Amino acid sequence: SAITDMQAYMDMLNPDVADGSQNSKEHPAHLPPPPTFPPPPPPSNSSHIPPPPPAFPPPKPPEEQVSAEYLKVKRNLRRVDNDVVKKE
Protein backbone atom coordinates (compact mmCIF):
# COMPACT_ATOMS: atom_id res chain seq x y z
CA SER A 1 0.00 0.00 0.00
CA ALA A 2 2.76 2.45 0.95
CA ILE A 3 4.76 1.45 -2.10
CA THR A 4 1.83 2.03 -4.44
CA ASP A 5 1.18 5.41 -2.81
CA MET A 6 4.84 6.30 -3.28
CA GLN A 7 4.74 5.13 -6.91
CA ALA A 8 1.61 7.21 -7.54
CA TYR A 9 3.35 10.22 -6.02
CA MET A 10 6.43 9.68 -8.17
CA ASP A 11 4.22 9.31 -11.25
CA MET A 12 2.50 12.59 -10.37
CA LEU A 13 5.89 14.33 -10.13
CA ASN A 14 7.06 12.94 -13.47
CA PRO A 15 4.61 14.11 -16.18
CA ASP A 16 6.04 11.71 -18.78
CA VAL A 17 4.99 8.70 -16.72
CA ALA A 18 1.75 10.28 -15.52
CA ASP A 19 0.45 10.52 -19.11
CA GLY A 20 1.12 6.84 -19.55
CA SER A 21 3.09 7.45 -22.74
CA GLN A 22 6.50 5.87 -22.62
CA ASN A 23 7.35 7.29 -26.06
CA SER A 24 7.37 10.87 -24.90
CA LYS A 25 11.09 11.07 -25.63
CA GLU A 26 10.39 10.34 -29.30
CA HIS A 27 7.92 13.24 -29.53
CA PRO A 28 9.47 16.21 -27.77
CA ALA A 29 7.17 19.01 -26.73
CA HIS A 30 7.11 22.02 -29.02
CA LEU A 31 9.22 24.62 -27.28
CA PRO A 32 9.11 28.30 -28.19
CA PRO A 33 12.14 29.56 -30.10
CA PRO A 34 14.94 30.93 -27.96
CA PRO A 35 14.82 34.70 -27.44
CA THR A 36 16.95 36.81 -29.71
CA PHE A 37 19.26 39.14 -27.86
CA PRO A 38 21.33 41.88 -29.48
CA PRO A 39 25.00 40.99 -29.87
CA PRO A 40 27.20 42.04 -26.97
CA PRO A 41 29.22 45.21 -27.43
CA PRO A 42 32.83 44.75 -28.49
CA PRO A 43 35.31 44.56 -25.62
CA SER A 44 36.55 47.98 -24.71
CA ASN A 45 40.09 48.94 -23.87
CA SER A 46 40.70 48.44 -20.15
CA SER A 47 42.77 51.63 -20.04
CA HIS A 48 40.00 53.68 -21.64
CA ILE A 49 37.28 54.78 -19.21
CA PRO A 50 33.94 55.47 -20.90
CA PRO A 51 32.50 58.94 -20.37
CA PRO A 52 29.70 59.28 -17.81
CA PRO A 53 26.13 59.25 -19.12
CA PRO A 54 24.90 62.69 -20.20
CA ALA A 55 22.09 62.68 -17.62
CA PHE A 56 24.55 63.08 -14.75
CA PRO A 57 26.40 66.35 -14.14
CA PRO A 58 30.20 66.13 -14.03
CA PRO A 59 31.71 65.88 -10.55
CA LYS A 60 32.92 69.11 -9.02
CA PRO A 61 36.66 69.39 -8.42
CA PRO A 62 37.69 69.49 -4.75
CA GLU A 63 37.91 72.92 -3.22
CA GLU A 64 41.47 74.13 -2.75
CA GLN A 65 40.59 76.75 -0.14
CA VAL A 66 40.40 75.44 3.42
CA SER A 67 37.57 76.93 5.45
CA ALA A 68 38.18 78.64 8.79
CA GLU A 69 35.84 76.15 10.51
CA TYR A 70 37.94 73.24 9.24
CA LEU A 71 41.13 74.78 10.59
CA LYS A 72 39.46 75.46 13.96
CA VAL A 73 38.27 71.87 14.30
CA LYS A 74 41.61 70.49 13.15
CA ARG A 75 43.48 72.55 15.76
CA ASN A 76 41.25 71.16 18.53
CA LEU A 77 41.97 67.54 17.60
CA ARG A 78 44.47 65.72 19.74
CA ARG A 79 46.54 62.65 19.05
CA VAL A 80 45.66 59.43 20.87
CA ASP A 81 48.44 56.92 21.38
CA ASN A 82 47.54 53.28 20.82
CA ASP A 83 49.57 52.22 23.87
CA VAL A 84 47.18 54.05 26.22
CA VAL A 85 44.16 52.39 24.62
CA LYS A 86 45.73 48.91 24.88
CA LYS A 87 46.45 49.28 28.62
CA GLU A 88 42.78 49.94 29.41
PDB file of N, CA and C in Angstrom:
ATOM      1  N   SER A   1       0.836  -1.196   0.000  1.00  0.00           N
ATOM      2  CA  SER A   1       0.000   0.000   0.000  1.00  0.00           C
ATOM      3  C   SER A   1       0.878   1.257   0.000  1.00  0.00           C
ATOM      4  N   ALA A   2       1.891   1.285   0.888  1.00  0.00           N
ATOM      5  CA  ALA A   2       2.765   2.446   0.953  1.00  0.00           C
ATOM      6  C   ALA A   2       3.592   2.561  -0.322  1.00  0.00           C
ATOM      7  N   ILE A   3       3.965   1.421  -0.880  1.00  0.00           N
ATOM      8  CA  ILE A   3       4.763   1.448  -2.105  1.00  0.00           C
ATOM      9  C   ILE A   3       3.926   1.963  -3.271  1.00  0.00           C
ATOM     10  N   THR A   4       2.680   1.544  -3.352  1.00  0.00           N
ATOM     11  CA  THR A   4       1.828   2.031  -4.445  1.00  0.00           C
ATOM     12  C   THR A   4       1.546   3.524  -4.284  1.00  0.00           C
ATOM     13  N   ASP A   5       1.376   3.970  -3.035  1.00  0.00           N
ATOM     14  CA  ASP A   5       1.184   5.406  -2.812  1.00  0.00           C
ATOM     15  C   ASP A   5       2.428   6.180  -3.244  1.00  0.00           C
ATOM     16  N   MET A   6       3.597   5.632  -2.910  1.00  0.00           N
ATOM     17  CA  MET A   6       4.840   6.298  -3.283  1.00  0.00           C
ATOM     18  C   MET A   6       4.995   6.311  -4.802  1.00  0.00           C
ATOM     19  N   GLN A   7       4.634   5.200  -5.446  1.00  0.00           N
ATOM     20  CA  GLN A   7       4.738   5.133  -6.908  1.00  0.00           C
ATOM     21  C   GLN A   7       3.766   6.111  -7.562  1.00  0.00           C
ATOM     22  N   ALA A   8       2.572   6.248  -7.000  1.00  0.00           N
ATOM     23  CA  ALA A   8       1.606   7.211  -7.536  1.00  0.00           C
ATOM     24  C   ALA A   8       2.130   8.633  -7.368  1.00  0.00           C
ATOM     25  N   TYR A   9       2.777   8.895  -6.252  1.00  0.00           N
ATOM     26  CA  TYR A   9       3.352  10.222  -6.015  1.00  0.00           C
ATOM     27  C   TYR A   9       4.480  10.498  -7.005  1.00  0.00           C
ATOM     28  N   MET A  10       5.334   9.509  -7.225  1.00  0.00           N
ATOM     29  CA  MET A  10       6.433   9.679  -8.171  1.00  0.00           C
ATOM     30  C   MET A  10       5.891   9.869  -9.590  1.00  0.00           C
ATOM     31  N   ASP A  11       4.822   9.142  -9.937  1.00  0.00           N
ATOM     32  CA  ASP A  11       4.216   9.314 -11.252  1.00  0.00           C
ATOM     33  C   ASP A  11       3.634  10.715 -11.402  1.00  0.00           C
ATOM     34  N   MET A  12       3.083  11.247 -10.320  1.00  0.00           N
ATOM     35  CA  MET A  12       2.504  12.587 -10.369  1.00  0.00           C
ATOM     36  C   MET A  12       3.611  13.628 -10.580  1.00  0.00           C
ATOM     37  N   LEU A  13       4.795  13.389  -9.973  1.00  0.00           N
ATOM     38  CA  LEU A  13       5.895  14.329 -10.126  1.00  0.00           C
ATOM     39  C   LEU A  13       6.510  14.263 -11.519  1.00  0.00           C
ATOM     40  N   ASN A  14       6.474  13.111 -12.145  1.00  0.00           N
ATOM     41  CA  ASN A  14       7.058  12.936 -13.465  1.00  0.00           C
ATOM     42  C   ASN A  14       5.935  12.955 -14.500  1.00  0.00           C
ATOM     43  N   PRO A  15       5.749  14.036 -15.255  1.00  0.00           N
ATOM     44  CA  PRO A  15       4.614  14.110 -16.178  1.00  0.00           C
ATOM     45  C   PRO A  15       4.715  13.118 -17.330  1.00  0.00           C
ATOM     46  N   ASP A  16       5.913  12.676 -17.694  1.00  0.00           N
ATOM     47  CA  ASP A  16       6.036  11.712 -18.781  1.00  0.00           C
ATOM     48  C   ASP A  16       5.376  10.394 -18.410  1.00  0.00           C
ATOM     49  N   VAL A  17       5.558   9.965 -17.169  1.00  0.00           N
ATOM     50  CA  VAL A  17       4.988   8.702 -16.716  1.00  0.00           C
ATOM     51  C   VAL A  17       3.511   8.877 -16.400  1.00  0.00           C
ATOM     52  N   ALA A  18       3.133  10.047 -15.916  1.00  0.00           N
ATOM     53  CA  ALA A  18       1.747  10.283 -15.524  1.00  0.00           C
ATOM     54  C   ALA A  18       0.821  10.205 -16.725  1.00  0.00           C
ATOM     55  N   ASP A  19       1.288  10.593 -17.922  1.00  0.00           N
ATOM     56  CA  ASP A  19       0.451  10.521 -19.112  1.00  0.00           C
ATOM     57  C   ASP A  19       0.308   9.082 -19.596  1.00  0.00           C
ATOM     58  N   GLY A  20       1.187   8.226 -19.133  1.00  0.00           N
ATOM     59  CA  GLY A  20       1.125   6.836 -19.546  1.00  0.00           C
ATOM     60  C   GLY A  20       1.821   6.601 -20.873  1.00  0.00           C
ATOM     61  N   SER A  21       2.408   7.613 -21.448  1.00  0.00           N
ATOM     62  CA  SER A  21       3.086   7.446 -22.735  1.00  0.00           C
ATOM     63  C   SER A  21       4.580   7.280 -22.487  1.00  0.00           C
ATOM     64  N   GLN A  22       5.086   6.128 -22.793  1.00  0.00           N
ATOM     65  CA  GLN A  22       6.504   5.866 -22.615  1.00  0.00           C
ATOM     66  C   GLN A  22       7.307   6.442 -23.777  1.00  0.00           C
ATOM     67  N   ASN A  23       6.655   6.789 -24.883  1.00  0.00           N
ATOM     68  CA  ASN A  23       7.347   7.287 -26.061  1.00  0.00           C
ATOM     69  C   ASN A  23       7.409   8.811 -26.076  1.00  0.00           C
ATOM     70  N   SER A  24       7.355   9.414 -24.941  1.00  0.00           N
ATOM     71  CA  SER A  24       7.365  10.875 -24.900  1.00  0.00           C
ATOM     72  C   SER A  24       8.723  11.423 -25.331  1.00  0.00           C
ATOM     73  N   LYS A  25       9.776  10.611 -25.212  1.00  0.00           N
ATOM     74  CA  LYS A  25      11.094  11.072 -25.632  1.00  0.00           C
ATOM     75  C   LYS A  25      11.173  11.151 -27.154  1.00  0.00           C
ATOM     76  N   GLU A  26      10.383  10.322 -27.849  1.00  0.00           N
ATOM     77  CA  GLU A  26      10.394  10.345 -29.303  1.00  0.00           C
ATOM     78  C   GLU A  26       9.675  11.579 -29.839  1.00  0.00           C
ATOM     79  N   HIS A  27       8.688  12.080 -29.117  1.00  0.00           N
ATOM     80  CA  HIS A  27       7.918  13.243 -29.534  1.00  0.00           C
ATOM     81  C   HIS A  27       8.156  14.368 -28.539  1.00  0.00           C
ATOM     82  N   PRO A  28       9.217  15.138 -28.733  1.00  0.00           N
ATOM     83  CA  PRO A  28       9.472  16.212 -27.768  1.00  0.00           C
ATOM     84  C   PRO A  28       8.399  17.294 -27.868  1.00  0.00           C
ATOM     85  N   ALA A  29       8.153  17.932 -26.759  1.00  0.00           N
ATOM     86  CA  ALA A  29       7.168  19.008 -26.729  1.00  0.00           C
ATOM     87  C   ALA A  29       7.673  20.163 -27.578  1.00  0.00           C
ATOM     88  N   HIS A  30       6.736  20.872 -28.182  1.00  0.00           N
ATOM     89  CA  HIS A  30       7.110  22.018 -29.019  1.00  0.00           C
ATOM     90  C   HIS A  30       7.462  23.184 -28.112  1.00  0.00           C
ATOM     91  N   LEU A  31       8.742  23.528 -28.113  1.00  0.00           N
ATOM     92  CA  LEU A  31       9.220  24.624 -27.281  1.00  0.00           C
ATOM     93  C   LEU A  31       9.239  25.906 -28.096  1.00  0.00           C
ATOM     94  N   PRO A  32       9.018  27.037 -27.451  1.00  0.00           N
ATOM     95  CA  PRO A  32       9.108  28.298 -28.188  1.00  0.00           C
ATOM     96  C   PRO A  32      10.554  28.544 -28.618  1.00  0.00           C
ATOM     97  N   PRO A  33      10.750  29.312 -29.668  1.00  0.00           N
ATOM     98  CA  PRO A  33      12.136  29.562 -30.100  1.00  0.00           C
ATOM     99  C   PRO A  33      12.881  30.352 -29.039  1.00  0.00           C
ATOM    100  N   PRO A  34      14.180  30.182 -28.973  1.00  0.00           N
ATOM    101  CA  PRO A  34      14.943  30.929 -27.962  1.00  0.00           C
ATOM    102  C   PRO A  34      14.864  32.426 -28.251  1.00  0.00           C
ATOM    103  N   PRO A  35      14.910  33.246 -27.213  1.00  0.00           N
ATOM    104  CA  PRO A  35      14.819  34.699 -27.436  1.00  0.00           C
ATOM    105  C   PRO A  35      16.049  35.207 -28.174  1.00  0.00           C
ATOM    106  N   THR A  36      15.827  36.222 -28.970  1.00  0.00           N
ATOM    107  CA  THR A  36      16.949  36.806 -29.706  1.00  0.00           C
ATOM    108  C   THR A  36      17.416  38.044 -28.969  1.00  0.00           C
ATOM    109  N   PHE A  37      18.660  38.026 -28.573  1.00  0.00           N
ATOM    110  CA  PHE A  37      19.260  39.144 -27.863  1.00  0.00           C
ATOM    111  C   PHE A  37      20.188  39.873 -28.817  1.00  0.00           C
ATOM    112  N   PRO A  38      20.362  41.174 -28.628  1.00  0.00           N
ATOM    113  CA  PRO A  38      21.331  41.876 -29.478  1.00  0.00           C
ATOM    114  C   PRO A  38      22.738  41.390 -29.168  1.00  0.00           C
ATOM    115  N   PRO A  39      23.633  41.461 -30.137  1.00  0.00           N
ATOM    116  CA  PRO A  39      24.998  40.985 -29.870  1.00  0.00           C
ATOM    117  C   PRO A  39      25.659  41.846 -28.805  1.00  0.00           C
ATOM    118  N   PRO A  40      26.529  41.260 -28.016  1.00  0.00           N
ATOM    119  CA  PRO A  40      27.196  42.039 -26.966  1.00  0.00           C
ATOM    120  C   PRO A  40      28.110  43.084 -27.592  1.00  0.00           C
ATOM    121  N   PRO A  41      28.332  44.180 -26.882  1.00  0.00           N
ATOM    122  CA  PRO A  41      29.224  45.207 -27.432  1.00  0.00           C
ATOM    123  C   PRO A  41      30.653  44.680 -27.503  1.00  0.00           C
ATOM    124  N   PRO A  42      31.445  45.219 -28.404  1.00  0.00           N
ATOM    125  CA  PRO A  42      32.835  44.748 -28.492  1.00  0.00           C
ATOM    126  C   PRO A  42      33.584  45.093 -27.219  1.00  0.00           C
ATOM    127  N   PRO A  43      34.563  44.281 -26.857  1.00  0.00           N
ATOM    128  CA  PRO A  43      35.306  44.562 -25.623  1.00  0.00           C
ATOM    129  C   PRO A  43      36.034  45.892 -25.739  1.00  0.00           C
ATOM    130  N   SER A  44      35.911  46.672 -24.691  1.00  0.00           N
ATOM    131  CA  SER A  44      36.546  47.982 -24.706  1.00  0.00           C
ATOM    132  C   SER A  44      37.949  47.880 -24.120  1.00  0.00           C
ATOM    133  N   ASN A  45      38.744  48.870 -24.412  1.00  0.00           N
ATOM    134  CA  ASN A  45      40.093  48.940 -23.868  1.00  0.00           C
ATOM    135  C   ASN A  45      40.010  49.102 -22.362  1.00  0.00           C
ATOM    136  N   SER A  46      40.763  48.331 -21.611  1.00  0.00           N
ATOM    137  CA  SER A  46      40.700  48.437 -20.154  1.00  0.00           C
ATOM    138  C   SER A  46      41.277  49.757 -19.670  1.00  0.00           C
ATOM    139  N   SER A  47      42.187  50.362 -20.458  1.00  0.00           N
ATOM    140  CA  SER A  47      42.773  51.629 -20.038  1.00  0.00           C
ATOM    141  C   SER A  47      41.852  52.800 -20.358  1.00  0.00           C
ATOM    142  N   HIS A  48      40.909  52.592 -21.262  1.00  0.00           N
ATOM    143  CA  HIS A  48      39.996  53.676 -21.641  1.00  0.00           C
ATOM    144  C   HIS A  48      38.754  53.626 -20.761  1.00  0.00           C
ATOM    145  N   ILE A  49      38.463  54.706 -20.071  1.00  0.00           N
ATOM    146  CA  ILE A  49      37.281  54.784 -19.212  1.00  0.00           C
ATOM    147  C   ILE A  49      36.180  55.463 -20.008  1.00  0.00           C
ATOM    148  N   PRO A  50      35.008  54.846 -20.117  1.00  0.00           N
ATOM    149  CA  PRO A  50      33.940  55.471 -20.897  1.00  0.00           C
ATOM    150  C   PRO A  50      33.451  56.742 -20.212  1.00  0.00           C
ATOM    151  N   PRO A  51      32.985  57.703 -20.989  1.00  0.00           N
ATOM    152  CA  PRO A  51      32.500  58.943 -20.372  1.00  0.00           C
ATOM    153  C   PRO A  51      31.222  58.678 -19.585  1.00  0.00           C
ATOM    154  N   PRO A  52      30.925  59.501 -18.588  1.00  0.00           N
ATOM    155  CA  PRO A  52      29.703  59.285 -17.815  1.00  0.00           C
ATOM    156  C   PRO A  52      28.480  59.560 -18.679  1.00  0.00           C
ATOM    157  N   PRO A  53      27.340  58.994 -18.335  1.00  0.00           N
ATOM    158  CA  PRO A  53      26.134  59.246 -19.116  1.00  0.00           C
ATOM    159  C   PRO A  53      25.779  60.733 -19.083  1.00  0.00           C
ATOM    160  N   PRO A  54      25.175  61.252 -20.143  1.00  0.00           N
ATOM    161  CA  PRO A  54      24.901  62.689 -20.198  1.00  0.00           C
ATOM    162  C   PRO A  54      23.874  63.162 -19.178  1.00  0.00           C
ATOM    163  N   ALA A  55      23.113  62.262 -18.581  1.00  0.00           N
ATOM    164  CA  ALA A  55      22.092  62.680 -17.618  1.00  0.00           C
ATOM    165  C   ALA A  55      22.714  63.154 -16.307  1.00  0.00           C
ATOM    166  N   PHE A  56      23.930  62.721 -16.015  1.00  0.00           N
ATOM    167  CA  PHE A  56      24.552  63.080 -14.750  1.00  0.00           C
ATOM    168  C   PHE A  56      25.486  64.269 -14.946  1.00  0.00           C
ATOM    169  N   PRO A  57      25.463  65.225 -14.019  1.00  0.00           N
ATOM    170  CA  PRO A  57      26.401  66.349 -14.142  1.00  0.00           C
ATOM    171  C   PRO A  57      27.814  65.884 -13.802  1.00  0.00           C
ATOM    172  N   PRO A  58      28.826  66.539 -14.351  1.00  0.00           N
ATOM    173  CA  PRO A  58      30.198  66.131 -14.034  1.00  0.00           C
ATOM    174  C   PRO A  58      30.511  66.430 -12.575  1.00  0.00           C
ATOM    175  N   PRO A  59      31.369  65.628 -11.960  1.00  0.00           N
ATOM    176  CA  PRO A  59      31.705  65.880 -10.552  1.00  0.00           C
ATOM    177  C   PRO A  59      32.465  67.189 -10.406  1.00  0.00           C
ATOM    178  N   LYS A  60      32.245  67.834  -9.286  1.00  0.00           N
ATOM    179  CA  LYS A  60      32.918  69.106  -9.022  1.00  0.00           C
ATOM    180  C   LYS A  60      34.325  68.824  -8.500  1.00  0.00           C
ATOM    181  N   PRO A  61      35.303  69.595  -8.940  1.00  0.00           N
ATOM    182  CA  PRO A  61      36.656  69.386  -8.419  1.00  0.00           C
ATOM    183  C   PRO A  61      36.717  69.772  -6.950  1.00  0.00           C
ATOM    184  N   PRO A  62      37.607  69.153  -6.183  1.00  0.00           N
ATOM    185  CA  PRO A  62      37.692  69.488  -4.755  1.00  0.00           C
ATOM    186  C   PRO A  62      38.115  70.940  -4.566  1.00  0.00           C
ATOM    187  N   GLU A  63      37.591  71.523  -3.510  1.00  0.00           N
ATOM    188  CA  GLU A  63      37.911  72.921  -3.221  1.00  0.00           C
ATOM    189  C   GLU A  63      39.329  73.015  -2.670  1.00  0.00           C
ATOM    190  N   GLU A  64      40.095  73.944  -3.192  1.00  0.00           N
ATOM    191  CA  GLU A  64      41.472  74.128  -2.746  1.00  0.00           C
ATOM    192  C   GLU A  64      41.531  74.977  -1.480  1.00  0.00           C
ATOM    193  N   GLN A  65      40.572  75.863  -1.301  1.00  0.00           N
ATOM    194  CA  GLN A  65      40.589  76.748  -0.141  1.00  0.00           C
ATOM    195  C   GLN A  65      40.064  75.996   1.077  1.00  0.00           C
ATOM    196  N   VAL A  66      40.793  76.092   2.183  1.00  0.00           N
ATOM    197  CA  VAL A  66      40.398  75.437   3.422  1.00  0.00           C
ATOM    198  C   VAL A  66      39.599  76.445   4.233  1.00  0.00           C
ATOM    199  N   SER A  67      38.425  76.005   4.708  1.00  0.00           N
ATOM    200  CA  SER A  67      37.574  76.933   5.452  1.00  0.00           C
ATOM    201  C   SER A  67      38.133  77.172   6.855  1.00  0.00           C
ATOM    202  N   ALA A  68      37.722  78.287   7.445  1.00  0.00           N
ATOM    203  CA  ALA A  68      38.179  78.635   8.794  1.00  0.00           C
ATOM    204  C   ALA A  68      37.644  77.636   9.814  1.00  0.00           C
ATOM    205  N   GLU A  69      36.423  77.131   9.569  1.00  0.00           N
ATOM    206  CA  GLU A  69      35.845  76.154  10.505  1.00  0.00           C
ATOM    207  C   GLU A  69      36.666  74.865  10.502  1.00  0.00           C
ATOM    208  N   TYR A  70      37.126  74.445   9.326  1.00  0.00           N
ATOM    209  CA  TYR A  70      37.937  73.238   9.238  1.00  0.00           C
ATOM    210  C   TYR A  70      39.237  73.403  10.014  1.00  0.00           C
ATOM    211  N   LEU A  71      39.874  74.547   9.865  1.00  0.00           N
ATOM    212  CA  LEU A  71      41.127  74.782  10.588  1.00  0.00           C
ATOM    213  C   LEU A  71      40.897  74.813  12.093  1.00  0.00           C
ATOM    214  N   LYS A  72      39.770  75.387  12.527  1.00  0.00           N
ATOM    215  CA  LYS A  72      39.459  75.462  13.961  1.00  0.00           C
ATOM    216  C   LYS A  72      39.263  74.059  14.533  1.00  0.00           C
ATOM    217  N   VAL A  73      38.522  73.243  13.836  1.00  0.00           N
ATOM    218  CA  VAL A  73      38.268  71.874  14.305  1.00  0.00           C
ATOM    219  C   VAL A  73      39.561  71.069  14.285  1.00  0.00           C
ATOM    220  N   LYS A  74      40.370  71.242  13.251  1.00  0.00           N
ATOM    221  CA  LYS A  74      41.614  70.487  13.148  1.00  0.00           C
ATOM    222  C   LYS A  74      42.579  70.852  14.277  1.00  0.00           C
ATOM    223  N   ARG A  75      42.596  72.125  14.674  1.00  0.00           N
ATOM    224  CA  ARG A  75      43.482  72.545  15.762  1.00  0.00           C
ATOM    225  C   ARG A  75      43.042  71.938  17.094  1.00  0.00           C
ATOM    226  N   ASN A  76      41.755  71.697  17.264  1.00  0.00           N
ATOM    227  CA  ASN A  76      41.247  71.158  18.528  1.00  0.00           C
ATOM    228  C   ASN A  76      41.422  69.642  18.637  1.00  0.00           C
ATOM    229  N   LEU A  77      41.769  68.982  17.543  1.00  0.00           N
ATOM    230  CA  LEU A  77      41.973  67.537  17.602  1.00  0.00           C
ATOM    231  C   LEU A  77      43.263  67.231  18.336  1.00  0.00           C
ATOM    232  N   ARG A  78      43.255  66.113  19.043  1.00  0.00           N
ATOM    233  CA  ARG A  78      44.470  65.717  19.744  1.00  0.00           C
ATOM    234  C   ARG A  78      44.816  64.293  19.354  1.00  0.00           C
ATOM    235  N   ARG A  79      46.079  63.967  19.434  1.00  0.00           N
ATOM    236  CA  ARG A  79      46.541  62.650  19.047  1.00  0.00           C
ATOM    237  C   ARG A  79      46.328  61.677  20.191  1.00  0.00           C
ATOM    238  N   VAL A  80      45.858  60.476  19.868  1.00  0.00           N
ATOM    239  CA  VAL A  80      45.655  59.427  20.866  1.00  0.00           C
ATOM    240  C   VAL A  80      46.649  58.324  20.563  1.00  0.00           C
ATOM    241  N   ASP A  81      47.470  57.990  21.557  1.00  0.00           N
ATOM    242  CA  ASP A  81      48.442  56.919  21.382  1.00  0.00           C
ATOM    243  C   ASP A  81      47.753  55.576  21.553  1.00  0.00           C
ATOM    244  N   ASN A  82      48.127  54.612  20.736  1.00  0.00           N
ATOM    245  CA  ASN A  82      47.538  53.279  20.815  1.00  0.00           C
ATOM    246  C   ASN A  82      47.958  52.553  22.087  1.00  0.00           C
ATOM    247  N   ASP A  83      49.104  52.895  22.658  1.00  0.00           N
ATOM    248  CA  ASP A  83      49.567  52.225  23.874  1.00  0.00           C
ATOM    249  C   ASP A  83      48.615  52.496  25.032  1.00  0.00           C
ATOM    250  N   VAL A  84      48.102  53.702  25.133  1.00  0.00           N
ATOM    251  CA  VAL A  84      47.180  54.051  26.217  1.00  0.00           C
ATOM    252  C   VAL A  84      45.884  53.269  26.067  1.00  0.00           C
ATOM    253  N   VAL A  85      45.408  53.114  24.849  1.00  0.00           N
ATOM    254  CA  VAL A  85      44.158  52.392  24.616  1.00  0.00           C
ATOM    255  C   VAL A  85      44.337  50.914  24.947  1.00  0.00           C
ATOM    256  N   LYS A  86      45.495  50.329  24.633  1.00  0.00           N
ATOM    257  CA  LYS A  86      45.727  48.905  24.884  1.00  0.00           C
ATOM    258  C   LYS A  86      45.811  48.597  26.374  1.00  0.00           C
ATOM    259  N   LYS A  87      46.314  49.528  27.184  1.00  0.00           N
ATOM    260  CA  LYS A  87      46.450  49.280  28.621  1.00  0.00           C
ATOM    261  C   LYS A  87      45.100  49.224  29.318  1.00  0.00           C
ATOM    262  N   GLU A  88      44.111  49.915  28.785  1.00  0.00           N
ATOM    263  CA  GLU A  88      42.781  49.940  29.411  1.00  0.00           C
ATOM    264  C   GLU A  88      42.037  48.715  29.072  1.00  0.00           C
TER     265      GLU A  88
END
